[in-house]
N, C-alpha and C. Protein backbone atom coordinates (compact mmCIF):
# COMPACT_ATOMS: atom_id res chain seq x y z
N MET A 1 -1.21 6.69 -3.76
CA MET A 1 -0.67 7.88 -3.12
C MET A 1 1.12 7.93 -3.16
N VAL A 2 1.71 8.95 -3.33
CA VAL A 2 2.90 8.80 -3.48
C VAL A 2 3.59 9.61 -2.59
N PHE A 3 4.60 9.10 -1.96
CA PHE A 3 5.05 10.03 -0.85
C PHE A 3 6.87 9.82 -0.96
N TYR A 4 7.68 10.93 -0.32
CA TYR A 4 8.90 10.56 -0.61
C TYR A 4 9.49 10.68 1.06
N ASN A 5 9.94 9.54 1.26
CA ASN A 5 10.65 9.47 2.84
C ASN A 5 12.13 9.94 2.74
N TYR A 6 12.44 11.27 3.22
CA TYR A 6 13.75 11.60 3.47
C TYR A 6 14.60 11.15 4.16
N ILE A 7 14.05 10.24 5.20
CA ILE A 7 14.82 9.29 6.19
C ILE A 7 15.57 8.30 5.35
N LEU A 8 14.45 7.63 4.58
CA LEU A 8 14.91 6.29 3.87
C LEU A 8 15.57 6.82 2.55
N LYS A 9 15.41 7.66 1.93
CA LYS A 9 15.93 8.35 0.86
C LYS A 9 15.21 7.51 -0.35
N CYS A 10 13.82 7.47 -0.27
CA CYS A 10 13.22 6.56 -1.31
C CYS A 10 11.75 7.06 -1.60
N PHE A 11 11.08 6.85 -2.75
CA PHE A 11 9.75 6.73 -2.87
C PHE A 11 8.97 5.74 -2.28
N VAL A 12 7.71 6.28 -1.73
CA VAL A 12 7.09 5.18 -1.14
C VAL A 12 5.32 5.10 -1.86
N LEU A 13 5.35 4.33 -2.56
CA LEU A 13 3.88 4.24 -3.34
C LEU A 13 2.95 3.51 -2.23
N ILE A 14 1.73 3.81 -2.28
CA ILE A 14 0.73 3.35 -1.34
C ILE A 14 -0.47 3.18 -2.31
N ASP A 15 -0.99 1.94 -2.28
CA ASP A 15 -2.32 1.91 -3.13
C ASP A 15 -3.24 1.39 -2.10
N LEU A 16 -4.57 2.01 -1.88
CA LEU A 16 -5.58 1.25 -1.31
C LEU A 16 -6.59 0.84 -1.98
N LYS A 17 -7.06 -0.62 -1.63
CA LYS A 17 -7.93 -1.22 -2.43
C LYS A 17 -8.98 -1.58 -1.25
N THR A 18 -10.26 -1.34 -1.83
CA THR A 18 -11.37 -1.80 -0.88
C THR A 18 -12.05 -3.20 -1.30
N ASN A 19 -11.30 -4.07 -1.89
CA ASN A 19 -11.83 -5.48 -2.25
C ASN A 19 -10.46 -6.47 -1.42
N LYS A 20 -10.73 -7.69 -1.57
CA LYS A 20 -9.59 -8.56 -1.36
C LYS A 20 -8.27 -8.46 -2.44
N ILE A 21 -7.03 -8.52 -2.17
CA ILE A 21 -5.95 -8.50 -2.50
C ILE A 21 -5.99 -9.44 -3.84
N THR A 22 -5.60 -9.03 -5.26
CA THR A 22 -5.27 -9.96 -6.17
C THR A 22 -3.93 -10.05 -6.86
N HIS A 23 -3.53 -11.02 -7.71
CA HIS A 23 -2.54 -11.05 -8.37
C HIS A 23 -2.34 -9.99 -9.18
N GLN A 24 -3.27 -9.25 -9.71
CA GLN A 24 -3.38 -8.30 -10.66
C GLN A 24 -2.89 -6.92 -9.83
N ASP A 25 -3.35 -6.72 -8.51
CA ASP A 25 -2.93 -5.45 -7.78
C ASP A 25 -1.47 -5.62 -7.57
N VAL A 26 -1.22 -6.90 -7.56
CA VAL A 26 0.50 -6.90 -7.15
C VAL A 26 1.12 -6.85 -8.33
N GLY A 27 0.77 -7.01 -9.32
CA GLY A 27 1.38 -6.71 -10.69
C GLY A 27 1.31 -5.39 -11.14
N GLN A 28 0.03 -4.65 -10.70
CA GLN A 28 0.01 -3.21 -10.84
C GLN A 28 1.04 -2.36 -10.02
N MET A 29 1.12 -2.80 -8.85
CA MET A 29 2.10 -2.27 -8.08
C MET A 29 3.47 -2.18 -8.41
N ASP A 30 3.77 -3.38 -9.07
CA ASP A 30 5.21 -3.91 -9.48
C ASP A 30 5.60 -2.73 -10.59
N MET A 31 4.45 -2.81 -11.42
CA MET A 31 4.73 -1.70 -12.57
C MET A 31 4.87 -0.22 -12.01
N TYR A 32 4.13 0.31 -10.91
CA TYR A 32 4.32 1.44 -10.57
C TYR A 32 5.78 1.59 -9.92
N VAL A 33 6.26 0.59 -9.22
CA VAL A 33 7.70 0.53 -8.54
C VAL A 33 8.70 0.49 -9.61
N ARG A 34 8.39 -0.20 -10.68
CA ARG A 34 9.48 0.03 -11.81
C ARG A 34 9.46 1.11 -12.45
N MET A 35 8.29 1.78 -12.86
CA MET A 35 7.97 3.38 -13.23
C MET A 35 8.72 4.23 -12.44
N TYR A 36 8.39 4.39 -11.19
CA TYR A 36 9.25 5.42 -10.23
C TYR A 36 10.95 5.20 -10.33
N ASP A 37 11.02 3.72 -10.15
CA ASP A 37 12.67 3.70 -10.16
C ASP A 37 13.17 4.14 -11.68
N GLU A 38 12.49 3.83 -12.63
CA GLU A 38 13.22 4.10 -13.72
C GLU A 38 13.04 5.54 -14.08
N LEU A 39 11.79 6.21 -13.77
CA LEU A 39 11.49 7.67 -14.43
C LEU A 39 11.75 8.90 -13.31
N LYS A 40 11.97 8.58 -11.91
CA LYS A 40 11.70 9.58 -10.86
C LYS A 40 12.83 9.49 -9.94
N LYS A 41 13.40 8.44 -9.84
CA LYS A 41 14.55 8.02 -8.77
C LYS A 41 15.90 8.65 -9.27
N SER A 42 16.37 9.06 -8.49
CA SER A 42 17.71 9.96 -8.76
C SER A 42 18.53 8.79 -8.38
N LYS A 43 19.95 8.98 -8.71
CA LYS A 43 21.28 7.84 -8.50
C LYS A 43 21.52 7.91 -6.87
N ASP A 44 21.18 8.83 -6.21
CA ASP A 44 21.04 8.88 -4.86
C ASP A 44 20.15 8.18 -3.76
N ASP A 45 18.83 7.79 -4.68
CA ASP A 45 17.94 7.31 -3.67
C ASP A 45 17.87 5.93 -3.71
N ASN A 46 17.09 5.43 -2.66
CA ASN A 46 16.96 4.04 -2.57
C ASN A 46 16.02 3.61 -3.47
N PRO A 47 15.99 2.11 -3.78
CA PRO A 47 14.84 1.65 -4.37
C PRO A 47 13.43 2.00 -3.96
N THR A 48 12.33 2.23 -4.60
CA THR A 48 11.02 2.48 -4.67
C THR A 48 10.46 1.65 -3.65
N ILE A 49 9.69 1.87 -2.60
CA ILE A 49 9.02 0.80 -1.91
C ILE A 49 7.30 0.81 -2.19
N GLY A 50 6.74 -0.27 -2.53
CA GLY A 50 5.49 -0.28 -2.81
C GLY A 50 4.61 -1.15 -1.53
N ILE A 51 3.43 -0.09 -1.42
CA ILE A 51 2.69 -0.88 -0.30
C ILE A 51 1.18 -0.89 -0.57
N LEU A 52 0.71 -2.21 -0.49
CA LEU A 52 -0.98 -2.33 -0.92
C LEU A 52 -1.69 -2.41 0.35
N LEU A 53 -2.59 -1.79 0.48
CA LEU A 53 -3.49 -1.72 1.90
C LEU A 53 -4.78 -2.27 1.15
N CYS A 54 -5.29 -3.40 1.74
CA CYS A 54 -6.40 -3.95 0.87
C CYS A 54 -7.40 -4.19 2.16
N SER A 55 -8.45 -4.23 1.78
CA SER A 55 -9.77 -4.46 2.87
C SER A 55 -9.75 -5.89 3.48
N GLU A 56 -9.50 -6.66 2.58
CA GLU A 56 -9.52 -8.27 2.83
C GLU A 56 -8.12 -8.58 2.13
N THR A 57 -7.36 -9.76 2.70
CA THR A 57 -6.02 -10.10 2.26
C THR A 57 -6.26 -11.70 1.98
N ASP A 58 -5.27 -12.19 1.06
CA ASP A 58 -5.09 -13.58 0.51
C ASP A 58 -3.84 -13.57 1.35
N GLU A 59 -3.57 -14.60 2.22
CA GLU A 59 -2.41 -14.81 3.01
C GLU A 59 -1.40 -15.06 2.04
N ASP A 60 -1.69 -15.92 1.03
CA ASP A 60 -0.68 -16.60 0.40
C ASP A 60 -0.24 -15.38 -0.64
N ILE A 61 -1.04 -14.80 -1.21
CA ILE A 61 -0.92 -13.70 -2.24
C ILE A 61 0.15 -12.58 -1.55
N ALA A 62 -0.50 -12.30 -0.18
CA ALA A 62 0.25 -11.03 0.57
C ALA A 62 1.57 -11.42 1.13
N ARG A 63 1.81 -12.80 1.27
CA ARG A 63 2.94 -13.32 1.87
C ARG A 63 3.99 -13.45 0.80
N TYR A 64 3.59 -14.07 -0.21
CA TYR A 64 4.63 -14.69 -1.30
C TYR A 64 4.73 -13.62 -2.46
N SER A 65 4.02 -12.65 -2.65
CA SER A 65 4.28 -11.82 -3.63
C SER A 65 5.34 -11.09 -3.31
N ILE A 66 6.52 -11.02 -4.01
CA ILE A 66 7.64 -10.17 -3.85
C ILE A 66 7.64 -9.25 -5.10
N LEU A 67 7.42 -7.68 -4.79
CA LEU A 67 7.63 -6.92 -5.93
C LEU A 67 8.84 -7.08 -6.42
N LYS A 68 9.09 -6.91 -7.73
CA LYS A 68 10.14 -6.63 -8.43
C LYS A 68 11.15 -7.58 -8.57
N GLY A 69 11.11 -8.77 -7.48
CA GLY A 69 11.95 -9.83 -7.24
C GLY A 69 13.09 -8.86 -6.59
N ASN A 70 12.95 -7.96 -5.99
CA ASN A 70 13.93 -6.86 -5.38
C ASN A 70 14.70 -7.15 -4.27
N GLU A 71 15.63 -7.57 -4.59
CA GLU A 71 16.69 -8.22 -3.35
C GLU A 71 17.21 -6.91 -2.88
N GLN A 72 17.16 -5.66 -3.43
CA GLN A 72 18.00 -4.65 -2.99
C GLN A 72 17.07 -3.84 -2.09
N LEU A 73 15.88 -4.27 -1.72
CA LEU A 73 14.72 -3.60 -0.72
C LEU A 73 15.22 -3.81 0.61
N PHE A 74 15.98 -4.87 0.97
CA PHE A 74 16.40 -4.80 2.45
C PHE A 74 15.35 -4.72 3.46
N ALA A 75 14.33 -5.48 3.69
CA ALA A 75 13.41 -5.04 4.48
C ALA A 75 13.74 -4.96 5.94
N SER A 76 14.69 -5.55 6.36
CA SER A 76 15.17 -5.25 7.66
C SER A 76 15.81 -3.85 7.80
N LYS A 77 16.44 -3.39 6.89
CA LYS A 77 16.64 -2.10 6.69
C LYS A 77 15.77 -0.97 7.04
N TYR A 78 14.54 -1.21 6.47
CA TYR A 78 13.39 -0.46 6.78
C TYR A 78 12.24 -0.68 7.78
N LYS A 79 12.90 -1.87 8.22
CA LYS A 79 11.67 -2.38 9.24
C LYS A 79 11.60 -1.33 10.40
N LEU A 80 12.76 -0.51 10.84
CA LEU A 80 12.19 0.39 12.03
C LEU A 80 11.24 1.56 11.52
N TYR A 81 11.22 1.84 10.45
CA TYR A 81 10.68 3.11 9.89
C TYR A 81 9.16 2.68 9.33
N LEU A 82 8.75 1.54 8.85
CA LEU A 82 7.62 1.17 8.26
C LEU A 82 6.76 0.38 9.76
N PRO A 83 5.33 0.63 9.35
CA PRO A 83 4.41 0.41 10.21
C PRO A 83 4.17 -1.17 10.25
N THR A 84 4.13 -1.79 11.44
CA THR A 84 4.02 -3.24 11.46
C THR A 84 2.78 -3.74 10.87
N GLU A 85 2.75 -4.94 10.57
CA GLU A 85 1.77 -5.65 9.98
C GLU A 85 0.25 -5.41 10.58
N GLU A 86 0.28 -5.41 12.10
CA GLU A 86 -0.80 -5.21 12.71
C GLU A 86 -1.30 -3.96 12.81
N GLU A 87 -0.30 -2.89 12.78
CA GLU A 87 -0.65 -1.47 12.78
C GLU A 87 -1.46 -1.39 11.33
N LEU A 88 -0.84 -1.84 10.33
CA LEU A 88 -1.83 -1.56 9.21
C LEU A 88 -2.83 -2.24 8.79
N ARG A 89 -3.20 -3.40 9.58
CA ARG A 89 -4.52 -4.13 9.64
C ARG A 89 -5.36 -3.38 10.45
N ALA A 90 -5.04 -2.69 11.67
CA ALA A 90 -5.72 -1.87 12.25
C ALA A 90 -6.15 -0.65 11.67
N GLU A 91 -5.46 -0.06 10.85
CA GLU A 91 -5.85 1.32 10.19
C GLU A 91 -6.75 0.69 8.98
N ILE A 92 -6.55 -0.38 8.52
CA ILE A 92 -7.65 -0.69 7.35
C ILE A 92 -9.17 -1.18 7.96
N GLU A 93 -9.07 -1.72 9.43
CA GLU A 93 -10.41 -1.74 9.81
C GLU A 93 -10.80 -0.56 10.22
N ASN A 94 -10.02 0.59 10.62
CA ASN A 94 -10.51 1.79 11.05
C ASN A 94 -11.04 2.45 10.00
N GLN A 95 -10.50 2.46 8.66
CA GLN A 95 -10.85 2.92 7.29
C GLN A 95 -12.18 2.30 6.85
N LYS A 96 -12.33 0.94 7.03
CA LYS A 96 -13.58 0.25 6.86
C LYS A 96 -14.58 0.77 7.30
N THR A 97 -14.47 1.00 8.65
CA THR A 97 -15.61 1.37 9.92
C THR A 97 -15.95 2.98 9.35
N ILE A 98 -14.95 3.63 9.02
CA ILE A 98 -15.24 5.08 8.55
C ILE A 98 -16.19 5.04 7.43
N TYR A 99 -15.54 4.20 6.57
CA TYR A 99 -16.37 4.24 5.07
C TYR A 99 -17.86 3.57 5.38
N ASN A 100 -17.90 2.49 6.11
CA ASN A 100 -19.50 2.20 6.37
C ASN A 100 -20.24 3.03 7.20
N LEU A 101 -19.73 3.96 7.93
CA LEU A 101 -20.43 4.82 8.71
C LEU A 101 -21.03 5.99 7.35
N GLN A 102 -19.99 6.22 6.79
CA GLN A 102 -20.23 7.28 5.84
C GLN A 102 -21.47 7.06 4.68
N GLN A 103 -21.28 5.55 4.49
CA GLN A 103 -22.42 5.06 3.51
C GLN A 103 -23.73 4.88 4.33
N GLN A 104 -23.64 4.57 5.57
CA GLN A 104 -24.68 4.69 6.03
C GLN A 104 -25.47 6.03 6.04
N GLU A 105 -24.72 6.68 6.44
CA GLU A 105 -25.29 8.51 6.65
C GLU A 105 -25.93 8.74 5.27
N LYS A 106 -25.23 8.56 4.20
CA LYS A 106 -25.45 8.86 2.84
C LYS A 106 -26.91 8.23 2.60
N ASN A 107 -26.80 7.05 2.81
CA ASN A 107 -28.06 6.35 2.55
C ASN A 107 -29.42 6.75 3.37
N THR A 108 -29.17 7.10 4.47
CA THR A 108 -30.04 7.51 5.45
C THR A 108 -30.67 9.09 4.70
N SER A 109 -29.51 9.80 4.38
CA SER A 109 -30.03 10.89 3.80
C SER A 109 -30.68 11.23 2.45
N GLU A 110 -30.32 10.15 1.78
CA GLU A 110 -31.06 9.65 0.50
C GLU A 110 -32.51 9.43 0.58
N ASN A 111 -33.01 8.65 1.84
CA ASN A 111 -33.90 8.28 2.00
C ASN A 111 -34.84 9.00 2.74
N ASN A 112 -34.53 10.02 3.10
CA ASN A 112 -35.25 11.38 3.65
C ASN A 112 -35.68 12.20 2.85
N LYS A 113 -35.05 12.32 1.51
CA LYS A 113 -35.43 13.19 0.45
C LYS A 113 -36.83 12.80 -0.18
């Protein structure tokens, strides 16, 4: 998903993964961030932000993967506007619950045919 945050003046790319985060996921998001910075970002925009939301995380990959080696992202500058880690985890758990309920309903409906 791609959003433009007019307060931060930047693109925000969000990738939802149903599996555990991998190095490939981080590399893919890095590519997307680089592409948006090169092809879509105007000179007045701030650097693109990439957010990976996964159903399961690998703490080391999540904590030590820095997209683009991007020193100009200034996480403290954006901290007031981005959701907290706890809020993101709660949303992932909520979406997993919804997905599981939908799958159960689908399986029940198929079994009743």
